[in-house]
Amino acid sequence: MVPVNHVKDINNAKDLVETYCSPGEPYGWPLYDDDPAPGILTGVDLASPALVSYPIPRACLNMMGQDGTEYHALFQTMKRFVETPVSTPTSFYDLPEELLTAGENRQVGDPKEGPKDWQDLISALDAVHGCKDLWSPAVTKILHRKRPDLVPISDSRVQDFYGARRDYSKLFTAIHADLHFEDTNEWLAGLAADHVTPSGRPMTVLRALDIIVWMHAA
């Protein structure tokens, strides 16, 4: 999928990142991004999308205790993604282009391809289909902060920017293509480099892209 727009064409991108990260501004940095429990999926993680403009339905906040429900099944799938050890973590940027484009034609429940951690992410995005009033943006916003180099954030503003409304697979393909457009990945890395959370977590390229596009569309 060829991106409708390119993040690198947003002329005031640096200013948008600086504004988003400025103390006193009503945005998610660094509270959302500063994960105190990497490698563990907690109840706080389930509520974290509220910090980036996605209020989660109350029922979903009880995922951990509702055994036998679709919500609990989703929690277990996300937990497997977060807590399964990975010897060599996958970077979204390094995924093969053909893996992303093949995903555009994949249906829920179809076989998954690619690295194990990527397959586990897709399993979580499959699982959310059975949860009333919950969609893929919630999954990506919960899991991005656990694996910020692998999980792109899906959001209506980002979807509209890339012409991929309500279709996370097309959005992922467009973001992947945009990161490989000219020197976009390196450019974003430069914008992100000045921003580190209080615990020392650096802003990732995927988070910088999300901030720039989201602020640009505000």
C-alpha atoms as a PDB file:
ATOM      1  CA  MET A   1       0.000   0.000   0.000  1.00  0.00           C
ATOM      2  CA  VAL A   2       1.428   3.374  -1.051  1.00  0.00           C
ATOM      3  CA  PRO A   3       0.912   5.924   1.756  1.00  0.00           C
ATOM      4  CA  VAL A   4      -1.611   8.681   1.031  1.00  0.00           C
ATOM      5  CA  ASN A   5       0.653  11.107   2.881  1.00  0.00           C
ATOM      6  CA  HIS A   6       4.211  11.073   4.181  1.00  0.00           C
ATOM      7  CA  VAL A   7       5.000  12.075   7.752  1.00  0.00           C
ATOM      8  CA  LYS A   8       8.205  13.724   6.533  1.00  0.00           C
ATOM      9  CA  ASP A   9       6.099  16.255   4.610  1.00  0.00           C
ATOM     10  CA  ILE A  10       4.734  17.710   7.863  1.00  0.00           C
ATOM     11  CA  ASN A  11       6.851  20.841   7.975  1.00  0.00           C
ATOM     12  CA  ASN A  12       6.485  21.644  11.674  1.00  0.00           C
ATOM     13  CA  ALA A  13       7.091  18.085  12.882  1.00  0.00           C
ATOM     14  CA  LYS A  14       9.825  19.045  15.346  1.00  0.00           C
ATOM     15  CA  ASP A  15       7.620  21.718  16.910  1.00  0.00           C
ATOM     16  CA  LEU A  16       4.750  19.239  17.228  1.00  0.00           C
ATOM     17  CA  VAL A  17       6.930  16.764  19.107  1.00  0.00           C
ATOM     18  CA  GLU A  18       8.284  19.518  21.348  1.00  0.00           C
ATOM     19  CA  THR A  19       4.774  20.738  22.153  1.00  0.00           C
ATOM     20  CA  TYR A  20       3.490  17.237  22.880  1.00  0.00           C
ATOM     21  CA  CYS A  21       6.380  16.575  25.258  1.00  0.00           C
ATOM     22  CA  SER A  22       6.397  19.961  26.991  1.00  0.00           C
ATOM     23  CA  PRO A  23       5.667  19.944  30.738  1.00  0.00           C
ATOM     24  CA  GLY A  24       2.151  21.121  31.497  1.00  0.00           C
ATOM     25  CA  GLU A  25       0.701  20.124  28.133  1.00  0.00           C
ATOM     26  CA  PRO A  26      -2.365  17.811  28.320  1.00  0.00           C
ATOM     27  CA  TYR A  27      -0.803  14.920  26.425  1.00  0.00           C
ATOM     28  CA  GLY A  28       0.468  11.430  27.245  1.00  0.00           C
ATOM     29  CA  TRP A  29       4.222  11.958  27.376  1.00  0.00           C
ATOM     30  CA  PRO A  30       5.944  10.714  29.504  1.00  0.00           C
ATOM     31  CA  LEU A  31       3.336   9.046  31.743  1.00  0.00           C
ATOM     32  CA  TYR A  32       2.034   6.717  29.029  1.00  0.00           C
ATOM     33  CA  ASP A  33       5.499   5.870  27.720  1.00  0.00           C
ATOM     34  CA  ASP A  34       7.293   5.295  31.029  1.00  0.00           C
ATOM     35  CA  ASP A  35       6.515   1.605  31.597  1.00  0.00           C
ATOM     36  CA  PRO A  36       7.472   0.587  35.163  1.00  0.00           C
ATOM     37  CA  ALA A  37       6.880  -3.123  34.500  1.00  0.00           C
ATOM     38  CA  PRO A  38       8.341  -4.124  31.128  1.00  0.00           C
ATOM     39  CA  GLY A  39       7.828  -7.782  30.371  1.00  0.00           C
ATOM     40  CA  ILE A  40       4.672  -8.006  32.505  1.00  0.00           C
ATOM     41  CA  LEU A  41       1.077  -7.195  31.527  1.00  0.00           C
ATOM     42  CA  THR A  42      -0.701  -5.521  34.435  1.00  0.00           C
ATOM     43  CA  GLY A  43      -4.065  -3.921  35.113  1.00  0.00           C
ATOM     44  CA  VAL A  44      -2.460  -0.510  34.762  1.00  0.00           C
ATOM     45  CA  ASP A  45      -1.461  -1.432  31.202  1.00  0.00           C
ATOM     46  CA  LEU A  46      -5.100  -2.138  30.362  1.00  0.00           C
ATOM     47  CA  ALA A  47      -6.031   1.388  31.429  1.00  0.00           C
ATOM     48  CA  SER A  48      -3.044   3.082  29.773  1.00  0.00           C
ATOM     49  CA  PRO A  49      -4.806   3.888  26.448  1.00  0.00           C
ATOM     50  CA  ALA A  50      -6.825   6.497  28.347  1.00  0.00           C
ATOM     51  CA  LEU A  51      -3.579   8.501  28.504  1.00  0.00           C
ATOM     52  CA  VAL A  52      -3.495   8.656  24.709  1.00  0.00           C
ATOM     53  CA  SER A  53      -7.119   9.569  24.042  1.00  0.00           C
ATOM     54  CA  TYR A  54      -8.774   6.141  24.087  1.00  0.00           C
ATOM     55  CA  PRO A  55     -11.140   5.691  27.043  1.00  0.00           C
ATOM     56  CA  ILE A  56     -11.568   1.946  27.494  1.00  0.00           C
ATOM     57  CA  PRO A  57     -15.075   0.606  28.244  1.00  0.00           C
ATOM     58  CA  ARG A  58     -15.461  -0.287  31.917  1.00  0.00           C
ATOM     59  CA  ALA A  59     -16.037  -3.989  31.171  1.00  0.00           C
ATOM     60  CA  CYS A  60     -12.604  -4.247  29.620  1.00  0.00           C
ATOM     61  CA  LEU A  61     -10.946  -3.055  32.804  1.00  0.00           C
ATOM     62  CA  ASN A  62     -12.082  -6.327  34.388  1.00  0.00           C
ATOM     63  CA  MET A  63     -10.366  -8.519  31.790  1.00  0.00           C
ATOM     64  CA  MET A  64      -8.008 -10.037  34.332  1.00  0.00           C
ATOM     65  CA  GLY A  65     -10.807 -11.435  36.493  1.00  0.00           C
ATOM     66  CA  GLN A  66     -13.474 -12.536  33.999  1.00  0.00           C
ATOM     67  CA  ASP A  67     -12.358 -16.058  33.142  1.00  0.00           C
ATOM     68  CA  GLY A  68     -14.281 -17.599  30.236  1.00  0.00           C
ATOM     69  CA  THR A  69     -15.179 -14.316  28.552  1.00  0.00           C
ATOM     70  CA  GLU A  70     -13.890 -12.935  25.265  1.00  0.00           C
ATOM     71  CA  TYR A  71     -12.225 -10.135  27.230  1.00  0.00           C
ATOM     72  CA  HIS A  72     -10.325 -12.599  29.399  1.00  0.00           C
ATOM     73  CA  ALA A  73      -9.258 -14.509  26.274  1.00  0.00           C
ATOM     74  CA  LEU A  74      -7.932 -11.259  24.821  1.00  0.00           C
ATOM     75  CA  PHE A  75      -6.051 -10.538  28.037  1.00  0.00           C
ATOM     76  CA  GLN A  76      -4.428 -13.970  27.961  1.00  0.00           C
ATOM     77  CA  THR A  77      -3.403 -13.479  24.327  1.00  0.00           C
ATOM     78  CA  MET A  78      -1.883 -10.064  25.055  1.00  0.00           C
ATOM     79  CA  LYS A  79      -0.184 -11.496  28.133  1.00  0.00           C
ATOM     80  CA  ARG A  80       1.421 -14.188  25.983  1.00  0.00           C
ATOM     81  CA  PHE A  81       2.715 -11.515  23.599  1.00  0.00           C
ATOM     82  CA  VAL A  82       4.166  -9.420  26.419  1.00  0.00           C
ATOM     83  CA  GLU A  83       5.548 -12.132  28.671  1.00  0.00           C
ATOM     84  CA  THR A  84       6.934 -14.721  26.237  1.00  0.00           C
ATOM     85  CA  PRO A  85      10.740 -14.364  26.205  1.00  0.00           C
ATOM     86  CA  VAL A  86      12.194 -13.331  22.852  1.00  0.00           C
ATOM     87  CA  SER A  87      15.882 -13.943  22.221  1.00  0.00           C
ATOM     88  CA  THR A  88      16.020 -11.408  19.394  1.00  0.00           C
ATOM     89  CA  PRO A  89      13.152  -8.875  19.627  1.00  0.00           C
ATOM     90  CA  THR A  90      11.667  -7.909  16.285  1.00  0.00           C
ATOM     91  CA  SER A  91      11.777  -4.322  15.052  1.00  0.00           C
ATOM     92  CA  PHE A  92       8.795  -3.176  12.994  1.00  0.00           C
ATOM     93  CA  TYR A  93      11.125  -1.365  10.607  1.00  0.00           C
ATOM     94  CA  ASP A  94      13.033  -4.595   9.878  1.00  0.00           C
ATOM     95  CA  LEU A  95       9.954  -6.671   9.012  1.00  0.00           C
ATOM     96  CA  PRO A  96       9.933  -7.752   5.348  1.00  0.00           C
ATOM     97  CA  GLU A  97       7.666  -5.682   3.133  1.00  0.00           C
ATOM     98  CA  GLU A  98       5.986  -8.805   1.749  1.00  0.00           C
ATOM     99  CA  LEU A  99       4.914  -9.839   5.261  1.00  0.00           C
ATOM    100  CA  LEU A 100       3.038  -6.559   5.710  1.00  0.00           C
ATOM    101  CA  THR A 101       1.406  -6.609   2.283  1.00  0.00           C
ATOM    102  CA  ALA A 102       0.351 -10.252   2.696  1.00  0.00           C
ATOM    103  CA  GLY A 103      -1.331  -9.287   5.958  1.00  0.00           C
ATOM    104  CA  GLU A 104      -3.724  -6.980   4.107  1.00  0.00           C
ATOM    105  CA  ASN A 105      -5.526 -10.003   2.637  1.00  0.00           C
ATOM    106  CA  ARG A 106      -5.469 -12.085   5.791  1.00  0.00           C
ATOM    107  CA  GLN A 107      -8.765 -12.899   7.554  1.00  0.00           C
ATOM    108  CA  VAL A 108      -9.257 -13.380  11.305  1.00  0.00           C
ATOM    109  CA  GLY A 109      -8.208 -16.908  12.181  1.00  0.00           C
ATOM    110  CA  ASP A 110      -6.060 -17.434   9.089  1.00  0.00           C
ATOM    111  CA  PRO A 111      -2.528 -18.799   9.620  1.00  0.00           C
ATOM    112  CA  LYS A 112       0.026 -16.213  10.723  1.00  0.00           C
ATOM    113  CA  GLU A 113       3.511 -15.692   9.314  1.00  0.00           C
ATOM    114  CA  GLY A 114       6.652 -13.893  10.380  1.00  0.00           C
ATOM    115  CA  PRO A 115       8.669 -13.822  13.626  1.00  0.00           C
ATOM    116  CA  LYS A 116       7.045 -15.373  16.712  1.00  0.00           C
ATOM    117  CA  ASP A 117       6.527 -12.071  18.522  1.00  0.00           C
ATOM    118  CA  TRP A 118       4.855 -10.602  15.414  1.00  0.00           C
ATOM    119  CA  GLN A 119       2.580 -13.643  15.171  1.00  0.00           C
ATOM    120  CA  ASP A 120       1.631 -13.188  18.833  1.00  0.00           C
ATOM    121  CA  LEU A 121       0.752  -9.550  18.160  1.00  0.00           C
ATOM    122  CA  ILE A 122      -1.496 -10.571  15.260  1.00  0.00           C
ATOM    123  CA  SER A 123      -3.127 -13.170  17.544  1.00  0.00           C
ATOM    124  CA  ALA A 124      -4.057 -10.371  19.943  1.00  0.00           C
ATOM    125  CA  LEU A 125      -5.486  -8.321  17.095  1.00  0.00           C
ATOM    126  CA  ASP A 126      -7.513 -11.390  16.064  1.00  0.00           C
ATOM    127  CA  ALA A 127      -8.771 -11.872  19.613  1.00  0.00           C
ATOM    128  CA  VAL A 128     -10.156  -8.360  19.931  1.00  0.00           C
ATOM    129  CA  HIS A 129     -12.716  -9.111  17.212  1.00  0.00           C
ATOM    130  CA  GLY A 130     -14.761 -11.062  19.735  1.00  0.00           C
ATOM    131  CA  CYS A 131     -14.915  -8.204  22.246  1.00  0.00           C
ATOM    132  CA  LYS A 132     -17.905  -5.899  22.071  1.00  0.00           C
ATOM    133  CA  ASP A 133     -17.055  -2.165  22.009  1.00  0.00           C
ATOM    134  CA  LEU A 134     -13.330  -2.829  21.698  1.00  0.00           C
ATOM    135  CA  TRP A 135     -11.222  -2.557  18.551  1.00  0.00           C
ATOM    136  CA  SER A 136      -7.652  -2.806  17.324  1.00  0.00           C
ATOM    137  CA  PRO A 137      -6.617   0.712  18.470  1.00  0.00           C
ATOM    138  CA  ALA A 138      -7.064  -0.394  22.091  1.00  0.00           C
ATOM    139  CA  VAL A 139      -4.813  -3.417  21.552  1.00  0.00           C
ATOM    140  CA  THR A 140      -2.100  -1.377  19.853  1.00  0.00           C
ATOM    141  CA  LYS A 141      -2.218   1.316  22.541  1.00  0.00           C
ATOM    142  CA  ILE A 142      -1.949  -1.273  25.302  1.00  0.00           C
ATOM    143  CA  LEU A 143       0.862  -3.189  23.627  1.00  0.00           C
ATOM    144  CA  HIS A 144       2.856  -0.332  22.076  1.00  0.00           C
ATOM    145  CA  ARG A 145       4.212   0.766  25.445  1.00  0.00           C
ATOM    146  CA  LYS A 146       5.287  -2.829  26.154  1.00  0.00           C
ATOM    147  CA  ARG A 147       7.070  -3.221  22.793  1.00  0.00           C
ATOM    148  CA  PRO A 148       7.480   0.310  21.394  1.00  0.00           C
ATOM    149  CA  ASP A 149       9.861  -0.755  18.612  1.00  0.00           C
ATOM    150  CA  LEU A 150       7.453  -3.367  17.230  1.00  0.00           C
ATOM    151  CA  VAL A 151       3.842  -2.222  17.716  1.00  0.00           C
ATOM    152  CA  PRO A 152       2.605   0.783  15.699  1.00  0.00           C
ATOM    153  CA  ILE A 153      -0.201   2.764  17.329  1.00  0.00           C
ATOM    154  CA  SER A 154      -3.503   2.623  15.480  1.00  0.00           C
ATOM    155  CA  ASP A 155      -5.627   5.740  15.935  1.00  0.00           C
ATOM    156  CA  SER A 156      -8.377   7.347  13.869  1.00  0.00           C
ATOM    157  CA  ARG A 157      -6.198  10.368  13.101  1.00  0.00           C
ATOM    158  CA  VAL A 158      -3.296   8.194  11.982  1.00  0.00           C
ATOM    159  CA  GLN A 159      -5.658   5.965   9.996  1.00  0.00           C
ATOM    160  CA  ASP A 160      -7.086   8.981   8.165  1.00  0.00           C
ATOM    161  CA  PHE A 161      -3.614  10.375   7.444  1.00  0.00           C
ATOM    162  CA  TYR A 162      -2.629   7.119   5.757  1.00  0.00           C
ATOM    163  CA  GLY A 163      -6.006   6.430   4.137  1.00  0.00           C
ATOM    164  CA  ALA A 164      -6.552   3.248   6.146  1.00  0.00           C
ATOM    165  CA  ARG A 165      -9.711   3.907   8.133  1.00  0.00           C
ATOM    166  CA  ARG A 166     -10.707   0.976  10.378  1.00  0.00           C
ATOM    167  CA  ASP A 167      -8.112  -1.342   8.858  1.00  0.00           C
ATOM    168  CA  TYR A 168      -5.059  -1.936  11.014  1.00  0.00           C
ATOM    169  CA  SER A 169      -3.371  -4.197   8.452  1.00  0.00           C
ATOM    170  CA  LYS A 170      -3.446  -1.539   5.732  1.00  0.00           C
ATOM    171  CA  LEU A 171      -2.327   1.027   8.279  1.00  0.00           C
ATOM    172  CA  PHE A 172       0.646  -1.116   9.284  1.00  0.00           C
ATOM    173  CA  THR A 173       1.616  -1.528   5.629  1.00  0.00           C
ATOM    174  CA  ALA A 174       1.388   2.226   5.019  1.00  0.00           C
ATOM    175  CA  ILE A 175       3.449   3.076   8.111  1.00  0.00           C
ATOM    176  CA  HIS A 176       6.072   0.491   7.147  1.00  0.00           C
ATOM    177  CA  ALA A 177       6.275   1.917   3.620  1.00  0.00           C
ATOM    178  CA  ASP A 178       6.541   5.458   4.977  1.00  0.00           C
ATOM    179  CA  LEU A 179       9.392   4.535   7.317  1.00  0.00           C
ATOM    180  CA  HIS A 180      11.268   3.223   4.266  1.00  0.00           C
ATOM    181  CA  PHE A 181      10.505   6.335   2.208  1.00  0.00           C
ATOM    182  CA  GLU A 182      13.739   8.240   1.588  1.00  0.00           C
ATOM    183  CA  ASP A 183      15.414   8.732   4.997  1.00  0.00           C
ATOM    184  CA  THR A 184      12.218   8.941   7.047  1.00  0.00           C
ATOM    185  CA  ASN A 185      13.263   6.389   9.682  1.00  0.00           C
ATOM    186  CA  GLU A 186      16.527   8.215  10.367  1.00  0.00           C
ATOM    187  CA  TRP A 187      14.760  11.595  10.351  1.00  0.00           C
ATOM    188  CA  LEU A 188      12.244  10.398  12.932  1.00  0.00           C
ATOM    189  CA  ALA A 189      15.017   8.882  15.038  1.00  0.00           C
ATOM    190  CA  GLY A 190      16.671  12.306  15.121  1.00  0.00           C
ATOM    191  CA  LEU A 191      13.445  13.977  16.297  1.00  0.00           C
ATOM    192  CA  ALA A 192      12.935  11.333  18.957  1.00  0.00           C
ATOM    193  CA  ALA A 193      16.492  11.407  20.262  1.00  0.00           C
ATOM    194  CA  ASP A 194      15.972  14.395  22.592  1.00  0.00           C
ATOM    195  CA  HIS A 195      13.100  12.763  24.468  1.00  0.00           C
ATOM    196  CA  VAL A 196      13.664  10.217  27.212  1.00  0.00           C
ATOM    197  CA  THR A 197      11.260   9.237  30.000  1.00  0.00           C
ATOM    198  CA  PRO A 198      12.244   9.725  33.669  1.00  0.00           C
ATOM    199  CA  SER A 199      13.211   6.042  33.919  1.00  0.00           C
ATOM    200  CA  GLY A 200      15.502   6.369  30.896  1.00  0.00           C
ATOM    201  CA  ARG A 201      13.265   4.956  28.178  1.00  0.00           C
ATOM    202  CA  PRO A 202      13.994   6.673  24.861  1.00  0.00           C
ATOM    203  CA  MET A 203      11.201   7.714  22.536  1.00  0.00           C
ATOM    204  CA  THR A 204      11.014   5.324  19.588  1.00  0.00           C
ATOM    205  CA  VAL A 205      10.575   6.066  15.908  1.00  0.00           C
ATOM    206  CA  LEU A 206       7.062   4.601  15.973  1.00  0.00           C
ATOM    207  CA  ARG A 207       6.058   6.835  18.877  1.00  0.00           C
ATOM    208  CA  ALA A 208       7.526   9.918  17.196  1.00  0.00           C
ATOM    209  CA  LEU A 209       5.551   9.144  14.037  1.00  0.00           C
ATOM    210  CA  ASP A 210       2.345   8.713  16.047  1.00  0.00           C
ATOM    211  CA  ILE A 211       2.849  12.002  17.903  1.00  0.00           C
ATOM    212  CA  ILE A 212       3.601  14.000  14.770  1.00  0.00           C
ATOM    213  CA  VAL A 213       0.647  12.677  12.769  1.00  0.00           C
ATOM    214  CA  TRP A 214      -1.772  12.892  15.723  1.00  0.00           C
ATOM    215  CA  MET A 215      -0.784  16.469  16.550  1.00  0.00           C
ATOM    216  CA  HIS A 216      -0.822  17.474  12.889  1.00  0.00           C
ATOM    217  CA  ALA A 217      -4.422  16.272  12.582  1.00  0.00           C
ATOM    218  CA  ALA A 218      -5.591  17.899  15.817  1.00  0.00           C
END
